[in-house]
Amino acid sequence: MAATYTFDVFSSLDGFGAAGGDWTGYWGKQGPELLDRRLGLYREEQRMVFGAHTYRAFARMLAASSPESDVRDPWVTQMRSLPATVVSSTLEGPLDWPDATVASGDAVDVVARLKEESEVPLRSHGSLSMNRALMAAGLVDRLQVTLFPVITGQSGLDPVFHGAADFDLELIEHRTLDGRVQELVYRPALHV
């Protein structure tokens, strides 16, 4: 039986994964329910999967942050303690991430193999272009969008679904956190 693969992403209402300008992390909307929920998700046994760009961004952010910053929220520390596979044709090990390995090759091939071989679920946080390709290949079982109540039309960065194929989404879970943040979990299917 193939392992379940979850594409986990944060988004503004208008579909951006980040913002420039004076926005802070989580667009300044994190609260105790969100942080507890994230920690609970990352306490589960699983393997992280990152593209090279996202791995580099996480490694840079963590290296430049202080222990008190939101970059080091307990869920991020927990995520970093999980085994990880970084899909890259340019990186070489060892990586500055405990229990991380590099898998070179096409992400679709690498993740298809991981899904067959892994005894634990797979999760990717971010890695937008890689996950768009994995969705198009039918390898994403769960799309988990944490939707923050902001519109970043002028300062939005990293459009989450820019250039993605068309998908039908079946809502399989939803919850409101801190009275304002929506967590929506979908089963994606390529729209044909």
C-alpha atoms as a PDB file:
ATOM      1  CA  MET A   1       0.000   0.000   0.000  1.00  0.00           C
ATOM      2  CA  ALA A   2       1.347   3.414  -0.967  1.00  0.00           C
ATOM      3  CA  ALA A   3       2.060   6.018   1.689  1.00  0.00           C
ATOM      4  CA  THR A   4      -0.223   9.055   1.826  1.00  0.00           C
ATOM      5  CA  TYR A   5       1.340  12.287   0.530  1.00  0.00           C
ATOM      6  CA  THR A   6       0.150  15.653   1.918  1.00  0.00           C
ATOM      7  CA  PHE A   7       0.971  18.988   0.285  1.00  0.00           C
ATOM      8  CA  ASP A   8       0.777  21.405   3.245  1.00  0.00           C
ATOM      9  CA  VAL A   9       0.797  25.103   2.389  1.00  0.00           C
ATOM     10  CA  PHE A  10       0.047  28.477   3.957  1.00  0.00           C
ATOM     11  CA  SER A  11      -1.850  30.970   1.790  1.00  0.00           C
ATOM     12  CA  SER A  12      -3.358  34.438   1.829  1.00  0.00           C
ATOM     13  CA  LEU A  13      -6.962  34.680   0.633  1.00  0.00           C
ATOM     14  CA  ASP A  14      -5.680  35.806  -2.768  1.00  0.00           C
ATOM     15  CA  GLY A  15      -3.387  32.795  -3.131  1.00  0.00           C
ATOM     16  CA  PHE A  16       0.074  33.967  -2.108  1.00  0.00           C
ATOM     17  CA  GLY A  17       2.374  31.852   0.048  1.00  0.00           C
ATOM     18  CA  ALA A  18       4.230  34.871   1.461  1.00  0.00           C
ATOM     19  CA  ALA A  19       4.301  38.662   1.347  1.00  0.00           C
ATOM     20  CA  GLY A  20       6.861  41.424   1.270  1.00  0.00           C
ATOM     21  CA  GLY A  21       6.417  44.875   2.728  1.00  0.00           C
ATOM     22  CA  ASP A  22       5.699  45.198   6.425  1.00  0.00           C
ATOM     23  CA  TRP A  23       3.868  41.859   6.828  1.00  0.00           C
ATOM     24  CA  THR A  24       5.261  39.626   9.561  1.00  0.00           C
ATOM     25  CA  GLY A  25       5.426  35.821   9.576  1.00  0.00           C
ATOM     26  CA  TYR A  26       2.018  34.123   9.355  1.00  0.00           C
ATOM     27  CA  TRP A  27       0.844  37.568   8.204  1.00  0.00           C
ATOM     28  CA  GLY A  28       0.653  38.398  11.931  1.00  0.00           C
ATOM     29  CA  LYS A  29      -2.434  36.200  12.362  1.00  0.00           C
ATOM     30  CA  GLN A  30      -1.085  33.227  14.314  1.00  0.00           C
ATOM     31  CA  GLY A  31      -2.642  32.389  17.618  1.00  0.00           C
ATOM     32  CA  PRO A  32      -2.453  29.607  20.197  1.00  0.00           C
ATOM     33  CA  GLU A  33      -4.907  27.278  18.411  1.00  0.00           C
ATOM     34  CA  LEU A  34      -2.994  27.499  15.138  1.00  0.00           C
ATOM     35  CA  LEU A  35       0.346  26.922  16.833  1.00  0.00           C
ATOM     36  CA  ASP A  36      -1.002  23.970  18.878  1.00  0.00           C
ATOM     37  CA  ARG A  37      -2.591  22.450  15.775  1.00  0.00           C
ATOM     38  CA  ARG A  38       0.645  22.754  13.796  1.00  0.00           C
ATOM     39  CA  LEU A  39       2.641  21.170  16.611  1.00  0.00           C
ATOM     40  CA  GLY A  40       0.167  18.288  16.804  1.00  0.00           C
ATOM     41  CA  LEU A  41       0.401  17.685  13.045  1.00  0.00           C
ATOM     42  CA  TYR A  42       4.177  17.534  13.172  1.00  0.00           C
ATOM     43  CA  ARG A  43       4.295  15.259  16.216  1.00  0.00           C
ATOM     44  CA  GLU A  44       2.852  12.477  14.057  1.00  0.00           C
ATOM     45  CA  GLU A  45       5.304   9.992  12.577  1.00  0.00           C
ATOM     46  CA  GLN A  46       5.994  11.020   8.975  1.00  0.00           C
ATOM     47  CA  ARG A  47       8.704  11.879   6.455  1.00  0.00           C
ATOM     48  CA  MET A  48       9.119  15.413   5.149  1.00  0.00           C
ATOM     49  CA  VAL A  49       9.742  15.996   1.436  1.00  0.00           C
ATOM     50  CA  PHE A  50      11.235  19.284   0.225  1.00  0.00           C
ATOM     51  CA  GLY A  51      12.446  20.718  -3.031  1.00  0.00           C
ATOM     52  CA  ALA A  52      15.936  22.237  -2.994  1.00  0.00           C
ATOM     53  CA  HIS A  53      14.676  25.842  -2.995  1.00  0.00           C
ATOM     54  CA  THR A  54      12.418  25.325   0.034  1.00  0.00           C
ATOM     55  CA  TYR A  55      15.091  23.364   1.895  1.00  0.00           C
ATOM     56  CA  ARG A  56      17.586  26.205   1.319  1.00  0.00           C
ATOM     57  CA  ALA A  57      15.025  28.802   2.465  1.00  0.00           C
ATOM     58  CA  PHE A  58      14.249  26.870   5.669  1.00  0.00           C
ATOM     59  CA  ALA A  59      17.952  26.304   6.394  1.00  0.00           C
ATOM     60  CA  ARG A  60      18.736  30.031   5.872  1.00  0.00           C
ATOM     61  CA  MET A  61      15.782  31.187   7.997  1.00  0.00           C
ATOM     62  CA  LEU A  62      16.637  28.846  10.850  1.00  0.00           C
ATOM     63  CA  ALA A  63      20.336  29.748  10.780  1.00  0.00           C
ATOM     64  CA  ALA A  64      19.562  33.487  10.869  1.00  0.00           C
ATOM     65  CA  SER A  65      16.845  33.320  13.528  1.00  0.00           C
ATOM     66  CA  SER A  66      16.997  33.609  17.266  1.00  0.00           C
ATOM     67  CA  PRO A  67      15.425  30.913  19.471  1.00  0.00           C
ATOM     68  CA  GLU A  68      12.617  33.367  20.392  1.00  0.00           C
ATOM     69  CA  SER A  69      11.542  34.235  16.835  1.00  0.00           C
ATOM     70  CA  ASP A  70       8.400  32.835  15.184  1.00  0.00           C
ATOM     71  CA  VAL A  71      10.710  31.011  12.756  1.00  0.00           C
ATOM     72  CA  ARG A  72      11.517  28.765  15.718  1.00  0.00           C
ATOM     73  CA  ASP A  73       7.951  28.089  16.820  1.00  0.00           C
ATOM     74  CA  PRO A  74       7.763  24.624  18.421  1.00  0.00           C
ATOM     75  CA  TRP A  75       6.081  23.115  15.347  1.00  0.00           C
ATOM     76  CA  VAL A  76       8.995  24.243  13.136  1.00  0.00           C
ATOM     77  CA  THR A  77      11.482  22.716  15.572  1.00  0.00           C
ATOM     78  CA  GLN A  78       9.404  19.520  15.537  1.00  0.00           C
ATOM     79  CA  MET A  79       9.294  19.531  11.711  1.00  0.00           C
ATOM     80  CA  ARG A  80      13.082  19.841  11.630  1.00  0.00           C
ATOM     81  CA  SER A  81      13.401  16.754  13.859  1.00  0.00           C
ATOM     82  CA  LEU A  82      11.501  14.556  11.372  1.00  0.00           C
ATOM     83  CA  PRO A  83      13.305  12.507   8.734  1.00  0.00           C
ATOM     84  CA  ALA A  84      13.407  14.403   5.451  1.00  0.00           C
ATOM     85  CA  THR A  85      14.095  13.804   1.785  1.00  0.00           C
ATOM     86  CA  VAL A  86      15.282  16.784  -0.253  1.00  0.00           C
ATOM     87  CA  VAL A  87      14.697  16.363  -3.977  1.00  0.00           C
ATOM     88  CA  SER A  88      17.553  18.079  -5.803  1.00  0.00           C
ATOM     89  CA  SER A  89      19.943  17.636  -8.667  1.00  0.00           C
ATOM     90  CA  THR A  90      22.245  20.374  -7.315  1.00  0.00           C
ATOM     91  CA  LEU A  91      22.554  19.729  -3.559  1.00  0.00           C
ATOM     92  CA  GLU A  92      24.901  17.180  -2.059  1.00  0.00           C
ATOM     93  CA  GLY A  93      24.930  15.798   1.466  1.00  0.00           C
ATOM     94  CA  PRO A  94      25.454  16.074   4.260  1.00  0.00           C
ATOM     95  CA  LEU A  95      22.730  18.659   4.757  1.00  0.00           C
ATOM     96  CA  ASP A  96      22.359  21.045   7.675  1.00  0.00           C
ATOM     97  CA  TRP A  97      19.192  19.228   8.783  1.00  0.00           C
ATOM     98  CA  PRO A  98      19.121  16.229  11.109  1.00  0.00           C
ATOM     99  CA  ASP A  99      18.177  12.984   9.371  1.00  0.00           C
ATOM    100  CA  ALA A 100      17.899  14.492   5.881  1.00  0.00           C
ATOM    101  CA  THR A 101      18.960  12.821   2.672  1.00  0.00           C
ATOM    102  CA  VAL A 102      19.242  14.124  -0.873  1.00  0.00           C
ATOM    103  CA  ALA A 103      17.407  12.286  -3.644  1.00  0.00           C
ATOM    104  CA  SER A 104      18.453  13.386  -7.106  1.00  0.00           C
ATOM    105  CA  GLY A 105      16.237  12.994 -10.094  1.00  0.00           C
ATOM    106  CA  ASP A 106      12.828  14.142 -11.213  1.00  0.00           C
ATOM    107  CA  ALA A 107      10.524  14.889  -8.256  1.00  0.00           C
ATOM    108  CA  VAL A 108       7.691  12.844  -9.789  1.00  0.00           C
ATOM    109  CA  ASP A 109       9.907   9.756  -9.980  1.00  0.00           C
ATOM    110  CA  VAL A 110      11.424  10.318  -6.529  1.00  0.00           C
ATOM    111  CA  VAL A 111       8.067  10.821  -4.805  1.00  0.00           C
ATOM    112  CA  ALA A 112       6.426   7.909  -6.655  1.00  0.00           C
ATOM    113  CA  ARG A 113       9.229   5.695  -5.309  1.00  0.00           C
ATOM    114  CA  LEU A 114       8.951   7.175  -1.795  1.00  0.00           C
ATOM    115  CA  LYS A 115       5.198   6.571  -1.755  1.00  0.00           C
ATOM    116  CA  GLU A 116       5.769   2.887  -2.576  1.00  0.00           C
ATOM    117  CA  GLU A 117       8.659   2.379  -0.139  1.00  0.00           C
ATOM    118  CA  SER A 118       7.723   4.539   2.868  1.00  0.00           C
ATOM    119  CA  GLU A 119       6.115   2.931   5.890  1.00  0.00           C
ATOM    120  CA  VAL A 120       5.029   6.358   7.185  1.00  0.00           C
ATOM    121  CA  PRO A 121       2.989   9.181   5.592  1.00  0.00           C
ATOM    122  CA  LEU A 122       4.814  11.815   3.552  1.00  0.00           C
ATOM    123  CA  ARG A 123       4.307  15.575   4.023  1.00  0.00           C
ATOM    124  CA  SER A 124       5.689  18.589   2.230  1.00  0.00           C
ATOM    125  CA  HIS A 125       5.381  22.111   3.593  1.00  0.00           C
ATOM    126  CA  GLY A 126       5.893  24.659   0.837  1.00  0.00           C
ATOM    127  CA  SER A 127       7.939  23.456  -2.178  1.00  0.00           C
ATOM    128  CA  LEU A 128       5.364  25.066  -4.457  1.00  0.00           C
ATOM    129  CA  SER A 129       6.624  24.224  -7.944  1.00  0.00           C
ATOM    130  CA  MET A 130       7.530  20.675  -6.947  1.00  0.00           C
ATOM    131  CA  ASN A 131       4.100  20.096  -5.418  1.00  0.00           C
ATOM    132  CA  ARG A 132       2.277  21.561  -8.419  1.00  0.00           C
ATOM    133  CA  ALA A 133       4.092  18.972 -10.574  1.00  0.00           C
ATOM    134  CA  LEU A 134       3.268  16.204  -8.096  1.00  0.00           C
ATOM    135  CA  MET A 135      -0.410  17.216  -8.122  1.00  0.00           C
ATOM    136  CA  ALA A 136      -0.458  17.114 -11.931  1.00  0.00           C
ATOM    137  CA  ALA A 137       1.066  13.619 -11.772  1.00  0.00           C
ATOM    138  CA  GLY A 138      -1.649  12.444  -9.352  1.00  0.00           C
ATOM    139  CA  LEU A 139       0.767  11.867  -6.453  1.00  0.00           C
ATOM    140  CA  VAL A 140      -0.786  14.302  -3.931  1.00  0.00           C
ATOM    141  CA  ASP A 141      -3.418  12.562  -1.814  1.00  0.00           C
ATOM    142  CA  ARG A 142      -4.195  15.504   0.466  1.00  0.00           C
ATOM    143  CA  LEU A 143      -3.927  19.230  -0.159  1.00  0.00           C
ATOM    144  CA  GLN A 144      -3.877  21.020   3.201  1.00  0.00           C
ATOM    145  CA  VAL A 145      -4.307  24.773   2.813  1.00  0.00           C
ATOM    146  CA  THR A 146      -4.038  26.968   5.893  1.00  0.00           C
ATOM    147  CA  LEU A 147      -5.815  30.110   4.759  1.00  0.00           C
ATOM    148  CA  PHE A 148      -4.920  33.346   6.526  1.00  0.00           C
ATOM    149  CA  PRO A 149      -7.430  36.232   6.528  1.00  0.00           C
ATOM    150  CA  VAL A 150      -5.383  38.699   4.484  1.00  0.00           C
ATOM    151  CA  ILE A 151      -5.241  39.943   0.904  1.00  0.00           C
ATOM    152  CA  THR A 152      -1.728  40.724  -0.276  1.00  0.00           C
ATOM    153  CA  GLY A 153      -2.564  42.022  -3.752  1.00  0.00           C
ATOM    154  CA  GLN A 154       0.263  44.585  -3.731  1.00  0.00           C
ATOM    155  CA  SER A 155       2.888  42.733  -1.720  1.00  0.00           C
ATOM    156  CA  GLY A 156       2.114  39.046  -2.307  1.00  0.00           C
ATOM    157  CA  LEU A 157       5.009  36.714  -3.068  1.00  0.00           C
ATOM    158  CA  ASP A 158       5.112  33.086  -4.169  1.00  0.00           C
ATOM    159  CA  PRO A 159       1.726  32.495  -5.842  1.00  0.00           C
ATOM    160  CA  VAL A 160       0.761  29.067  -4.558  1.00  0.00           C
ATOM    161  CA  PHE A 161      -0.989  27.730  -7.665  1.00  0.00           C
ATOM    162  CA  HIS A 162       0.541  29.892 -10.418  1.00  0.00           C
ATOM    163  CA  GLY A 163       0.865  27.767 -13.531  1.00  0.00           C
ATOM    164  CA  ALA A 164      -0.868  24.758 -11.940  1.00  0.00           C
ATOM    165  CA  ALA A 165      -3.158  22.465 -13.877  1.00  0.00           C
ATOM    166  CA  ASP A 166      -6.908  22.572 -13.247  1.00  0.00           C
ATOM    167  CA  PHE A 167      -8.146  20.466 -10.312  1.00  0.00           C
ATOM    168  CA  ASP A 168     -11.419  19.458  -8.754  1.00  0.00           C
ATOM    169  CA  LEU A 169     -11.166  19.507  -4.953  1.00  0.00           C
ATOM    170  CA  GLU A 170     -13.164  17.346  -2.556  1.00  0.00           C
ATOM    171  CA  LEU A 171     -13.275  18.905   0.914  1.00  0.00           C
ATOM    172  CA  ILE A 172     -12.455  16.160   3.431  1.00  0.00           C
ATOM    173  CA  GLU A 173     -11.670  18.208   6.578  1.00  0.00           C
ATOM    174  CA  HIS A 174     -12.009  21.797   7.751  1.00  0.00           C
ATOM    175  CA  ARG A 175     -11.568  23.768  10.936  1.00  0.00           C
ATOM    176  CA  THR A 176     -11.336  27.357  12.127  1.00  0.00           C
ATOM    177  CA  LEU A 177      -8.374  28.234  14.313  1.00  0.00           C
ATOM    178  CA  ASP A 178      -8.237  31.247  16.609  1.00  0.00           C
ATOM    179  CA  GLY A 179     -11.574  32.405  15.187  1.00  0.00           C
ATOM    180  CA  ARG A 180      -9.993  33.605  11.924  1.00  0.00           C
ATOM    181  CA  VAL A 181      -7.627  31.120  10.237  1.00  0.00           C
ATOM    182  CA  GLN A 182      -9.144  28.362   8.092  1.00  0.00           C
ATOM    183  CA  GLU A 183      -7.532  24.957   7.680  1.00  0.00           C
ATOM    184  CA  LEU A 184      -8.977  23.235   4.622  1.00  0.00           C
ATOM    185  CA  VAL A 185      -7.991  19.710   3.600  1.00  0.00           C
ATOM    186  CA  TYR A 186      -8.922  18.552   0.125  1.00  0.00           C
ATOM    187  CA  ARG A 187      -8.541  15.464  -2.021  1.00  0.00           C
ATOM    188  CA  PRO A 188      -7.345  16.849  -5.386  1.00  0.00           C
ATOM    189  CA  ALA A 189      -8.237  15.295  -8.733  1.00  0.00           C
ATOM    190  CA  LEU A 190      -7.017  16.531 -12.094  1.00  0.00           C
ATOM    191  CA  HIS A 191      -9.915  18.189 -13.903  1.00  0.00           C
ATOM    192  CA  VAL A 192     -10.393  16.574 -17.291  1.00  0.00           C
END
